């Protein structure tokens, strides 16, 4: 087991929970005797979070104004000193037992993610989460139990390779998962308990879901473009074939089918070129 560990905690208005979270993590680290550090990134909190952090004897990075969850996480990662990083939230939803489970089993992987087994998304979030999970599963070719869990242990060097792709919003955890899976990194999931948060969620269903889908496509086009270009090209080819058959049976010009066939060929060509560029860059 790696004896050096950086714990990164993004925090925004977590005055009700941040003290207990840090106290629990300190006790956990003392139990293992790790050479460790705790970095809290205060993302422009407007409550008493900043004042509480001053009394907790942890390294604190203050960002003002609020820059977003992803920006806070990236700031904490860049600030960290050790190769192994544990990312967790400041809202008290992840237990010390869950953290312990990830730390003890993380050695063989580039990233070990805590899959929340008892999470119950709201009716508004549930359809969006289902669509995003299905899309991410198709793009990566891997069944993903929990795409955006906020508790994970990963290697800093692997995360830094994908930094330019990582967004500043809530999409960061999902994007880094997809990026590492598409890149062939060793990503694994382990079931953990999840405590329902006591404070209001900062997740915005419409804007954050739209941003996440956008980043999923961007990440896939970078790492595995044929997953997108081949289906679109095949759809165009089928449309062209259908148009050709219709014209043969009913008579008339075949210009529409020719347009579909050319579009199919162009899209496939762009996919192949994008795939070659991606491999060359990698």
C-alpha atoms as a PDB file:
ATOM      1  CA  UNK A   1       0.000   0.000   0.000  1.00  0.00           C
ATOM      2  CA  UNK A   2       1.264   3.463  -0.918  1.00  0.00           C
ATOM      3  CA  UNK A   3       2.224   5.308   2.265  1.00  0.00           C
ATOM      4  CA  UNK A   4       2.015   8.793   0.721  1.00  0.00           C
ATOM      5  CA  UNK A   5      -1.437  10.265   0.179  1.00  0.00           C
ATOM      6  CA  UNK A   6      -2.880  13.662  -0.720  1.00  0.00           C
ATOM      7  CA  UNK A   7      -6.524  14.229   0.171  1.00  0.00           C
ATOM      8  CA  UNK A   8      -8.265  16.882  -1.958  1.00  0.00           C
ATOM      9  CA  UNK A   9     -11.573  18.324  -0.763  1.00  0.00           C
ATOM     10  CA  UNK A  10     -13.439  20.926  -2.849  1.00  0.00           C
ATOM     11  CA  UNK A  11     -15.754  22.908  -0.567  1.00  0.00           C
ATOM     12  CA  UNK A  12     -18.450  25.451  -1.252  1.00  0.00           C
ATOM     13  CA  UNK A  13     -20.720  26.551   1.609  1.00  0.00           C
ATOM     14  CA  UNK A  14     -20.177  23.419   3.728  1.00  0.00           C
ATOM     15  CA  UNK A  15     -20.229  25.033   7.182  1.00  0.00           C
ATOM     16  CA  UNK A  16     -22.502  22.307   8.592  1.00  0.00           C
ATOM     17  CA  UNK A  17     -20.313  19.358   7.636  1.00  0.00           C
ATOM     18  CA  UNK A  18     -16.719  20.356   6.806  1.00  0.00           C
ATOM     19  CA  UNK A  19     -15.402  20.136  10.365  1.00  0.00           C
ATOM     20  CA  UNK A  20     -16.578  16.537  10.878  1.00  0.00           C
ATOM     21  CA  UNK A  21     -15.349  15.490   7.420  1.00  0.00           C
ATOM     22  CA  UNK A  22     -11.828  16.724   8.115  1.00  0.00           C
ATOM     23  CA  UNK A  23     -11.775  15.321  11.652  1.00  0.00           C
ATOM     24  CA  UNK A  24     -12.810  11.883  10.364  1.00  0.00           C
ATOM     25  CA  UNK A  25     -10.168  11.964   7.612  1.00  0.00           C
ATOM     26  CA  UNK A  26      -7.449  12.963  10.061  1.00  0.00           C
ATOM     27  CA  UNK A  27      -8.359  10.034  12.317  1.00  0.00           C
ATOM     28  CA  UNK A  28      -8.286   7.685   9.333  1.00  0.00           C
ATOM     29  CA  UNK A  29      -4.860   8.877   8.204  1.00  0.00           C
ATOM     30  CA  UNK A  30      -3.448   8.619  11.739  1.00  0.00           C
ATOM     31  CA  UNK A  31      -4.688   5.039  11.907  1.00  0.00           C
ATOM     32  CA  UNK A  32      -2.629   4.150   8.841  1.00  0.00           C
ATOM     33  CA  UNK A  33       0.367   6.283   9.750  1.00  0.00           C
ATOM     34  CA  UNK A  34       0.493   7.763   6.272  1.00  0.00           C
ATOM     35  CA  UNK A  35       2.777  10.552   5.200  1.00  0.00           C
ATOM     36  CA  UNK A  36      -0.120  12.660   4.035  1.00  0.00           C
ATOM     37  CA  UNK A  37      -1.677  16.043   3.484  1.00  0.00           C
ATOM     38  CA  UNK A  38      -5.218  17.413   3.389  1.00  0.00           C
ATOM     39  CA  UNK A  39      -5.909  20.178   0.886  1.00  0.00           C
ATOM     40  CA  UNK A  40      -9.232  21.966   1.092  1.00  0.00           C
ATOM     41  CA  UNK A  41     -10.107  24.233  -1.810  1.00  0.00           C
ATOM     42  CA  UNK A  42     -12.597  26.800  -0.576  1.00  0.00           C
ATOM     43  CA  UNK A  43     -14.461  27.686  -3.751  1.00  0.00           C
ATOM     44  CA  UNK A  44     -15.685  31.156  -2.850  1.00  0.00           C
ATOM     45  CA  UNK A  45     -17.860  30.122   0.103  1.00  0.00           C
ATOM     46  CA  UNK A  46     -20.256  32.803   1.361  1.00  0.00           C
ATOM     47  CA  UNK A  47     -21.109  31.138   4.683  1.00  0.00           C
ATOM     48  CA  UNK A  48     -18.800  30.337   7.621  1.00  0.00           C
ATOM     49  CA  UNK A  49     -16.801  27.644   5.796  1.00  0.00           C
ATOM     50  CA  UNK A  50     -13.708  29.862   5.473  1.00  0.00           C
ATOM     51  CA  UNK A  51     -13.702  30.771   9.160  1.00  0.00           C
ATOM     52  CA  UNK A  52     -14.132  27.149  10.231  1.00  0.00           C
ATOM     53  CA  UNK A  53     -11.249  26.023   8.030  1.00  0.00           C
ATOM     54  CA  UNK A  54      -8.870  28.429   9.776  1.00  0.00           C
ATOM     55  CA  UNK A  55      -9.329  26.477  13.019  1.00  0.00           C
ATOM     56  CA  UNK A  56      -8.880  23.001  11.504  1.00  0.00           C
ATOM     57  CA  UNK A  57      -5.127  23.033  10.782  1.00  0.00           C
ATOM     58  CA  UNK A  58      -5.348  21.978   7.143  1.00  0.00           C
ATOM     59  CA  UNK A  59      -3.871  23.475   4.001  1.00  0.00           C
ATOM     60  CA  UNK A  60      -6.503  25.731   2.479  1.00  0.00           C
ATOM     61  CA  UNK A  61      -6.641  27.285  -0.966  1.00  0.00           C
ATOM     62  CA  UNK A  62      -9.199  30.069  -1.278  1.00  0.00           C
ATOM     63  CA  UNK A  63     -10.742  30.941  -4.627  1.00  0.00           C
ATOM     64  CA  UNK A  64     -12.897  34.022  -5.098  1.00  0.00           C
ATOM     65  CA  UNK A  65     -15.388  34.306  -6.604  1.00  0.00           C
ATOM     66  CA  UNK A  66     -16.862  30.815  -6.944  1.00  0.00           C
ATOM     67  CA  UNK A  67     -15.089  29.121  -9.871  1.00  0.00           C
ATOM     68  CA  UNK A  68     -16.840  25.752  -9.992  1.00  0.00           C
ATOM     69  CA  UNK A  69     -16.361  22.226  -8.661  1.00  0.00           C
ATOM     70  CA  UNK A  70     -14.037  21.126 -11.451  1.00  0.00           C
ATOM     71  CA  UNK A  71     -11.796  24.158 -11.092  1.00  0.00           C
ATOM     72  CA  UNK A  72     -11.548  23.545  -7.354  1.00  0.00           C
ATOM     73  CA  UNK A  73     -10.587  19.897  -7.900  1.00  0.00           C
ATOM     74  CA  UNK A  74      -7.953  20.759 -10.514  1.00  0.00           C
ATOM     75  CA  UNK A  75      -6.513  23.420  -8.220  1.00  0.00           C
ATOM     76  CA  UNK A  76      -6.224  20.876  -5.407  1.00  0.00           C
ATOM     77  CA  UNK A  77      -4.600  18.287  -7.665  1.00  0.00           C
ATOM     78  CA  UNK A  78      -1.975  20.753  -8.900  1.00  0.00           C
ATOM     79  CA  UNK A  79      -1.284  21.813  -5.321  1.00  0.00           C
ATOM     80  CA  UNK A  80      -0.826  18.222  -4.079  1.00  0.00           C
ATOM     81  CA  UNK A  81       2.640  16.798  -3.376  1.00  0.00           C
ATOM     82  CA  UNK A  82       2.027  13.054  -3.585  1.00  0.00           C
ATOM     83  CA  UNK A  83       1.340  10.677  -6.454  1.00  0.00           C
ATOM     84  CA  UNK A  84      -1.676   9.028  -4.839  1.00  0.00           C
ATOM     85  CA  UNK A  85      -4.681  11.319  -4.431  1.00  0.00           C
ATOM     86  CA  UNK A  86      -7.991  10.746  -2.704  1.00  0.00           C
ATOM     87  CA  UNK A  87     -10.796  13.019  -3.844  1.00  0.00           C
ATOM     88  CA  UNK A  88     -13.813  13.395  -1.593  1.00  0.00           C
ATOM     89  CA  UNK A  89     -16.565  15.917  -0.908  1.00  0.00           C
ATOM     90  CA  UNK A  90     -16.974  18.254   2.025  1.00  0.00           C
ATOM     91  CA  UNK A  91     -20.677  17.527   2.518  1.00  0.00           C
ATOM     92  CA  UNK A  92     -20.302  14.428   4.710  1.00  0.00           C
ATOM     93  CA  UNK A  93     -21.903  11.999   2.251  1.00  0.00           C
ATOM     94  CA  UNK A  94     -18.929   9.614   2.208  1.00  0.00           C
ATOM     95  CA  UNK A  95     -18.073   7.648   5.330  1.00  0.00           C
ATOM     96  CA  UNK A  96     -14.563   6.959   6.700  1.00  0.00           C
ATOM     97  CA  UNK A  97     -15.268   3.247   6.135  1.00  0.00           C
ATOM     98  CA  UNK A  98     -15.827   3.903   2.424  1.00  0.00           C
ATOM     99  CA  UNK A  99     -12.620   5.925   2.213  1.00  0.00           C
ATOM    100  CA  UNK A 100     -10.731   3.168   3.995  1.00  0.00           C
ATOM    101  CA  UNK A 101     -12.082   0.616   1.526  1.00  0.00           C
ATOM    102  CA  UNK A 102     -10.791   2.596  -1.435  1.00  0.00           C
ATOM    103  CA  UNK A 103      -7.386   3.342   0.081  1.00  0.00           C
ATOM    104  CA  UNK A 104      -6.743  -0.318   0.914  1.00  0.00           C
ATOM    105  CA  UNK A 105      -7.659  -1.554  -2.590  1.00  0.00           C
ATOM    106  CA  UNK A 106      -6.243   1.218  -4.761  1.00  0.00           C
ATOM    107  CA  UNK A 107      -2.713  -0.091  -5.310  1.00  0.00           C
ATOM    108  CA  UNK A 108      -3.461  -2.151  -8.434  1.00  0.00           C
ATOM    109  CA  UNK A 109      -5.387   0.556 -10.278  1.00  0.00           C
ATOM    110  CA  UNK A 110      -4.845   3.940 -11.873  1.00  0.00           C
ATOM    111  CA  UNK A 111      -8.185   4.994 -10.453  1.00  0.00           C
ATOM    112  CA  UNK A 112     -10.510   3.278  -7.999  1.00  0.00           C
ATOM    113  CA  UNK A 113     -13.997   4.782  -7.792  1.00  0.00           C
ATOM    114  CA  UNK A 114     -16.524   4.412  -5.013  1.00  0.00           C
ATOM    115  CA  UNK A 115     -19.790   3.223  -6.582  1.00  0.00           C
ATOM    116  CA  UNK A 116     -22.678   4.469  -4.438  1.00  0.00           C
ATOM    117  CA  UNK A 117     -25.056   1.543  -3.998  1.00  0.00           C
ATOM    118  CA  UNK A 118     -27.865   3.296  -2.136  1.00  0.00           C
ATOM    119  CA  UNK A 119     -28.082   6.573  -4.037  1.00  0.00           C
ATOM    120  CA  UNK A 120     -31.601   7.623  -5.022  1.00  0.00           C
ATOM    121  CA  UNK A 121     -31.574  10.532  -7.490  1.00  0.00           C
ATOM    122  CA  UNK A 122     -34.499  12.926  -7.598  1.00  0.00           C
ATOM    123  CA  UNK A 123     -37.179  12.457 -10.304  1.00  0.00           C
ATOM    124  CA  UNK A 124     -35.642  15.399 -12.175  1.00  0.00           C
ATOM    125  CA  UNK A 125     -32.113  13.939 -12.151  1.00  0.00           C
ATOM    126  CA  UNK A 126     -33.024  10.282 -12.765  1.00  0.00           C
ATOM    127  CA  UNK A 127     -33.773  10.478 -16.556  1.00  0.00           C
ATOM    128  CA  UNK A 128     -30.657  12.613 -17.139  1.00  0.00           C
ATOM    129  CA  UNK A 129     -28.433  10.211 -15.174  1.00  0.00           C
ATOM    130  CA  UNK A 130     -29.849   7.215 -17.071  1.00  0.00           C
ATOM    131  CA  UNK A 131     -29.173   8.823 -20.472  1.00  0.00           C
ATOM    132  CA  UNK A 132     -25.673   9.928 -19.492  1.00  0.00           C
ATOM    133  CA  UNK A 133     -24.730   6.500 -18.066  1.00  0.00           C
ATOM    134  CA  UNK A 134     -25.976   4.709 -21.187  1.00  0.00           C
ATOM    135  CA  UNK A 135     -24.135   7.145 -23.449  1.00  0.00           C
ATOM    136  CA  UNK A 136     -20.910   6.860 -21.444  1.00  0.00           C
ATOM    137  CA  UNK A 137     -21.198   3.064 -21.410  1.00  0.00           C
ATOM    138  CA  UNK A 138     -21.604   2.931 -25.194  1.00  0.00           C
ATOM    139  CA  UNK A 139     -18.725   5.321 -25.837  1.00  0.00           C
ATOM    140  CA  UNK A 140     -16.268   3.548 -23.539  1.00  0.00           C
ATOM    141  CA  UNK A 141     -17.520   0.008 -24.154  1.00  0.00           C
ATOM    142  CA  UNK A 142     -17.529  -0.533 -20.374  1.00  0.00           C
ATOM    143  CA  UNK A 143     -20.435  -0.801 -17.957  1.00  0.00           C
ATOM    144  CA  UNK A 144     -20.059   2.125 -15.557  1.00  0.00           C
ATOM    145  CA  UNK A 145     -21.826   1.631 -12.201  1.00  0.00           C
ATOM    146  CA  UNK A 146     -21.404   5.214 -11.028  1.00  0.00           C
ATOM    147  CA  UNK A 147     -20.140   7.786 -13.509  1.00  0.00           C
ATOM    148  CA  UNK A 148     -19.875  10.853 -11.281  1.00  0.00           C
ATOM    149  CA  UNK A 149     -19.062   9.573  -7.800  1.00  0.00           C
ATOM    150  CA  UNK A 150     -17.195  12.201  -5.802  1.00  0.00           C
ATOM    151  CA  UNK A 151     -15.124   9.653  -3.861  1.00  0.00           C
ATOM    152  CA  UNK A 152     -12.193   8.155  -5.739  1.00  0.00           C
ATOM    153  CA  UNK A 153      -8.490   7.387  -5.354  1.00  0.00           C
ATOM    154  CA  UNK A 154      -6.259   7.911  -8.379  1.00  0.00           C
ATOM    155  CA  UNK A 155      -2.715   8.568  -9.542  1.00  0.00           C
ATOM    156  CA  UNK A 156      -1.813  12.219 -10.035  1.00  0.00           C
ATOM    157  CA  UNK A 157       0.352  11.506 -13.080  1.00  0.00           C
ATOM    158  CA  UNK A 158      -2.600   9.884 -14.859  1.00  0.00           C
ATOM    159  CA  UNK A 159      -4.960  12.762 -14.037  1.00  0.00           C
ATOM    160  CA  UNK A 160      -2.480  15.374 -15.259  1.00  0.00           C
ATOM    161  CA  UNK A 161      -2.360  13.707 -18.688  1.00  0.00           C
ATOM    162  CA  UNK A 162      -6.039  14.557 -19.175  1.00  0.00           C
ATOM    163  CA  UNK A 163      -6.051  17.995 -17.549  1.00  0.00           C
ATOM    164  CA  UNK A 164      -6.662  19.923 -20.764  1.00  0.00           C
ATOM    165  CA  UNK A 165      -9.905  17.972 -21.247  1.00  0.00           C
ATOM    166  CA  UNK A 166     -11.274  18.430 -17.739  1.00  0.00           C
ATOM    167  CA  UNK A 167     -14.032  21.037 -17.305  1.00  0.00           C
ATOM    168  CA  UNK A 168     -14.431  23.516 -14.472  1.00  0.00           C
ATOM    169  CA  UNK A 169     -17.951  22.369 -13.540  1.00  0.00           C
ATOM    170  CA  UNK A 170     -19.549  19.261 -12.041  1.00  0.00           C
ATOM    171  CA  UNK A 171     -18.700  17.294 -15.188  1.00  0.00           C
ATOM    172  CA  UNK A 172     -15.086  16.818 -14.068  1.00  0.00           C
ATOM    173  CA  UNK A 173     -15.524  13.450 -12.323  1.00  0.00           C
ATOM    174  CA  UNK A 174     -17.498  12.026 -15.250  1.00  0.00           C
ATOM    175  CA  UNK A 175     -15.064  13.388 -17.823  1.00  0.00           C
ATOM    176  CA  UNK A 176     -11.947  12.037 -16.111  1.00  0.00           C
ATOM    177  CA  UNK A 177     -13.615   8.615 -15.840  1.00  0.00           C
ATOM    178  CA  UNK A 178     -14.386   8.530 -19.571  1.00  0.00           C
ATOM    179  CA  UNK A 179     -10.969   9.921 -20.490  1.00  0.00           C
ATOM    180  CA  UNK A 180      -9.097   7.300 -18.464  1.00  0.00           C
ATOM    181  CA  UNK A 181     -11.279   4.434 -19.730  1.00  0.00           C
ATOM    182  CA  UNK A 182     -10.843   5.527 -23.356  1.00  0.00           C
ATOM    183  CA  UNK A 183      -7.112   5.885 -22.796  1.00  0.00           C
ATOM    184  CA  UNK A 184      -6.838   2.310 -21.522  1.00  0.00           C
ATOM    185  CA  UNK A 185      -5.996   3.205 -17.924  1.00  0.00           C
ATOM    186  CA  UNK A 186      -6.844   0.746 -15.165  1.00  0.00           C
ATOM    187  CA  UNK A 187     -10.167   1.961 -13.742  1.00  0.00           C
ATOM    188  CA  UNK A 188     -12.164  -0.109 -11.273  1.00  0.00           C
ATOM    189  CA  UNK A 189     -15.238   0.355  -9.099  1.00  0.00           C
ATOM    190  CA  UNK A 190     -15.988  -0.812  -5.600  1.00  0.00           C
ATOM    191  CA  UNK A 191     -19.316  -0.502  -3.795  1.00  0.00           C
ATOM    192  CA  UNK A 192     -19.552   2.007  -0.962  1.00  0.00           C
ATOM    193  CA  UNK A 193     -22.193   3.378   1.365  1.00  0.00           C
ATOM    194  CA  UNK A 194     -23.588   6.820   0.622  1.00  0.00           C
ATOM    195  CA  UNK A 195     -25.199   9.133   3.155  1.00  0.00           C
ATOM    196  CA  UNK A 196     -27.873  11.439   1.800  1.00  0.00           C
ATOM    197  CA  UNK A 197     -26.591  15.004   1.922  1.00  0.00           C
ATOM    198  CA  UNK A 198     -28.133  17.300   4.521  1.00  0.00           C
ATOM    199  CA  UNK A 199     -27.558  20.501   2.588  1.00  0.00           C
ATOM    200  CA  UNK A 200     -28.915  21.652  -0.752  1.00  0.00           C
ATOM    201  CA  UNK A 201     -27.224  20.209  -3.818  1.00  0.00           C
ATOM    202  CA  UNK A 202     -25.250  22.610  -5.999  1.00  0.00           C
ATOM    203  CA  UNK A 203     -25.939  20.492  -9.105  1.00  0.00           C
ATOM    204  CA  UNK A 204     -27.983  22.269 -11.797  1.00  0.00           C
ATOM    205  CA  UNK A 205     -29.916  19.566 -13.727  1.00  0.00           C
ATOM    206  CA  UNK A 206     -30.247  21.373 -17.057  1.00  0.00           C
ATOM    207  CA  UNK A 207     -26.981  23.278 -17.454  1.00  0.00           C
ATOM    208  CA  UNK A 208     -24.745  20.663 -15.790  1.00  0.00           C
ATOM    209  CA  UNK A 209     -26.341  17.787 -17.736  1.00  0.00           C
ATOM    210  CA  UNK A 210     -25.949  19.678 -21.025  1.00  0.00           C
ATOM    211  CA  UNK A 211     -22.311  20.451 -20.236  1.00  0.00           C
ATOM    212  CA  UNK A 212     -21.649  16.827 -19.288  1.00  0.00           C
ATOM    213  CA  UNK A 213     -23.057  15.445 -22.545  1.00  0.00           C
ATOM    214  CA  UNK A 214     -20.982  17.996 -24.458  1.00  0.00           C
ATOM    215  CA  UNK A 215     -17.796  16.971 -22.632  1.00  0.00           C
ATOM    216  CA  UNK A 216     -18.578  13.273 -23.178  1.00  0.00           C
ATOM    217  CA  UNK A 217     -18.676  13.846 -26.936  1.00  0.00           C
ATOM    218  CA  UNK A 218     -15.535  16.009 -26.869  1.00  0.00           C
ATOM    219  CA  UNK A 219     -13.635  13.395 -24.887  1.00  0.00           C
ATOM    220  CA  UNK A 220     -14.783  10.588 -27.169  1.00  0.00           C
ATOM    221  CA  UNK A 221     -13.877  12.472 -30.344  1.00  0.00           C
ATOM    222  CA  UNK A 222     -10.409  12.938 -28.886  1.00  0.00           C
ATOM    223  CA  UNK A 223      -9.821   9.351 -27.714  1.00  0.00           C
ATOM    224  CA  UNK A 224     -12.193   7.136 -29.710  1.00  0.00           C
ATOM    225  CA  UNK A 225     -13.807   9.129 -32.568  1.00  0.00           C
ATOM    226  CA  UNK A 226     -14.937   6.066 -34.529  1.00  0.00           C
ATOM    227  CA  UNK A 227     -17.474   5.354 -31.767  1.00  0.00           C
ATOM    228  CA  UNK A 228     -19.339   8.436 -33.006  1.00  0.00           C
ATOM    229  CA  UNK A 229     -18.401   8.755 -36.682  1.00  0.00           C
ATOM    230  CA  UNK A 230     -19.114   5.140 -37.741  1.00  0.00           C
ATOM    231  CA  UNK A 231     -22.754   5.065 -36.493  1.00  0.00           C
ATOM    232  CA  UNK A 232     -23.460   8.471 -38.091  1.00  0.00           C
ATOM    233  CA  UNK A 233     -21.833   7.357 -41.344  1.00  0.00           C
ATOM    234  CA  UNK A 234     -23.829   4.105 -41.284  1.00  0.00           C
ATOM    235  CA  UNK A 235     -27.058   6.038 -40.706  1.00  0.00           C
ATOM    236  CA  UNK A 236     -26.338   8.236 -43.722  1.00  0.00           C
ATOM    237  CA  UNK A 237     -25.566   5.162 -45.838  1.00  0.00           C
ATOM    238  CA  UNK A 238     -28.861   3.525 -44.843  1.00  0.00           C
ATOM    239  CA  UNK A 239     -30.751   6.718 -45.677  1.00  0.00           C
ATOM    240  CA  UNK A 240     -29.031   6.841 -49.064  1.00  0.00           C
ATOM    241  CA  UNK A 241     -29.867   3.197 -49.766  1.00  0.00           C
ATOM    242  CA  UNK A 242     -33.501   3.745 -48.785  1.00  0.00           C
ATOM    243  CA  UNK A 243     -33.699   6.829 -51.021  1.00  0.00           C
ATOM    244  CA  UNK A 244     -32.148   4.904 -53.930  1.00  0.00           C
ATOM    245  CA  UNK A 245     -34.606   2.012 -53.594  1.00  0.00           C
ATOM    246  CA  UNK A 246     -37.510   4.466 -53.430  1.00  0.00           C
ATOM    247  CA  UNK A 247     -36.336   6.223 -56.591  1.00  0.00           C
ATOM    248  CA  UNK A 248     -35.861   2.925 -58.462  1.00  0.00           C
ATOM    249  CA  UNK A 249     -39.363   1.778 -57.550  1.00  0.00           C
ATOM    250  CA  UNK A 250     -41.116   5.116 -58.064  1.00  0.00           C
ATOM    251  CA  UNK A 251     -38.873   6.665 -60.722  1.00  0.00           C
ATOM    252  CA  UNK A 252     -37.216  10.062 -60.705  1.00  0.00           C
ATOM    253  CA  UNK A 253     -33.820  11.567 -59.943  1.00  0.00           C
ATOM    254  CA  UNK A 254     -31.416   9.890 -57.520  1.00  0.00           C
ATOM    255  CA  UNK A 255     -29.712  13.113 -56.379  1.00  0.00           C
ATOM    256  CA  UNK A 256     -30.907  12.702 -52.772  1.00  0.00           C
ATOM    257  CA  UNK A 257     -29.412   9.232 -52.443  1.00  0.00           C
ATOM    258  CA  UNK A 258     -26.131  10.443 -53.950  1.00  0.00           C
ATOM    259  CA  UNK A 259     -25.988  13.255 -51.369  1.00  0.00           C
ATOM    260  CA  UNK A 260     -26.533  10.740 -48.550  1.00  0.00           C
ATOM    261  CA  UNK A 261     -23.834   8.393 -49.925  1.00  0.00           C
ATOM    262  CA  UNK A 262     -21.330  11.238 -50.241  1.00  0.00           C
ATOM    263  CA  UNK A 263     -22.145  12.457 -46.731  1.00  0.00           C
ATOM    264  CA  UNK A 264     -21.650   8.934 -45.426  1.00  0.00           C
ATOM    265  CA  UNK A 265     -18.258   8.674 -47.098  1.00  0.00           C
ATOM    266  CA  UNK A 266     -17.152  12.118 -45.869  1.00  0.00           C
ATOM    267  CA  UNK A 267     -18.173  11.428 -42.273  1.00  0.00           C
ATOM    268  CA  UNK A 268     -16.399   8.075 -42.294  1.00  0.00           C
ATOM    269  CA  UNK A 269     -13.279   9.716 -43.738  1.00  0.00           C
ATOM    270  CA  UNK A 270     -13.334  12.410 -41.053  1.00  0.00           C
ATOM    271  CA  UNK A 271     -13.645   9.703 -38.394  1.00  0.00           C
ATOM    272  CA  UNK A 272     -10.660   7.791 -39.751  1.00  0.00           C
ATOM    273  CA  UNK A 273      -8.569  10.958 -39.950  1.00  0.00           C
ATOM    274  CA  UNK A 274      -9.563  11.946 -36.393  1.00  0.00           C
ATOM    275  CA  UNK A 275      -8.668   8.452 -35.185  1.00  0.00           C
ATOM    276  CA  UNK A 276      -5.245   8.611 -36.847  1.00  0.00           C
ATOM    277  CA  UNK A 277      -4.563  12.081 -35.418  1.00  0.00           C
ATOM    278  CA  UNK A 278      -5.599  10.938 -31.947  1.00  0.00           C
ATOM    279  CA  UNK A 279      -3.298   7.920 -32.070  1.00  0.00           C
ATOM    280  CA  UNK A 280      -0.446  10.021 -33.420  1.00  0.00           C
ATOM    281  CA  UNK A 281      -0.907  12.600 -30.644  1.00  0.00           C
ATOM    282  CA  UNK A 282      -1.115   9.878 -27.992  1.00  0.00           C
END
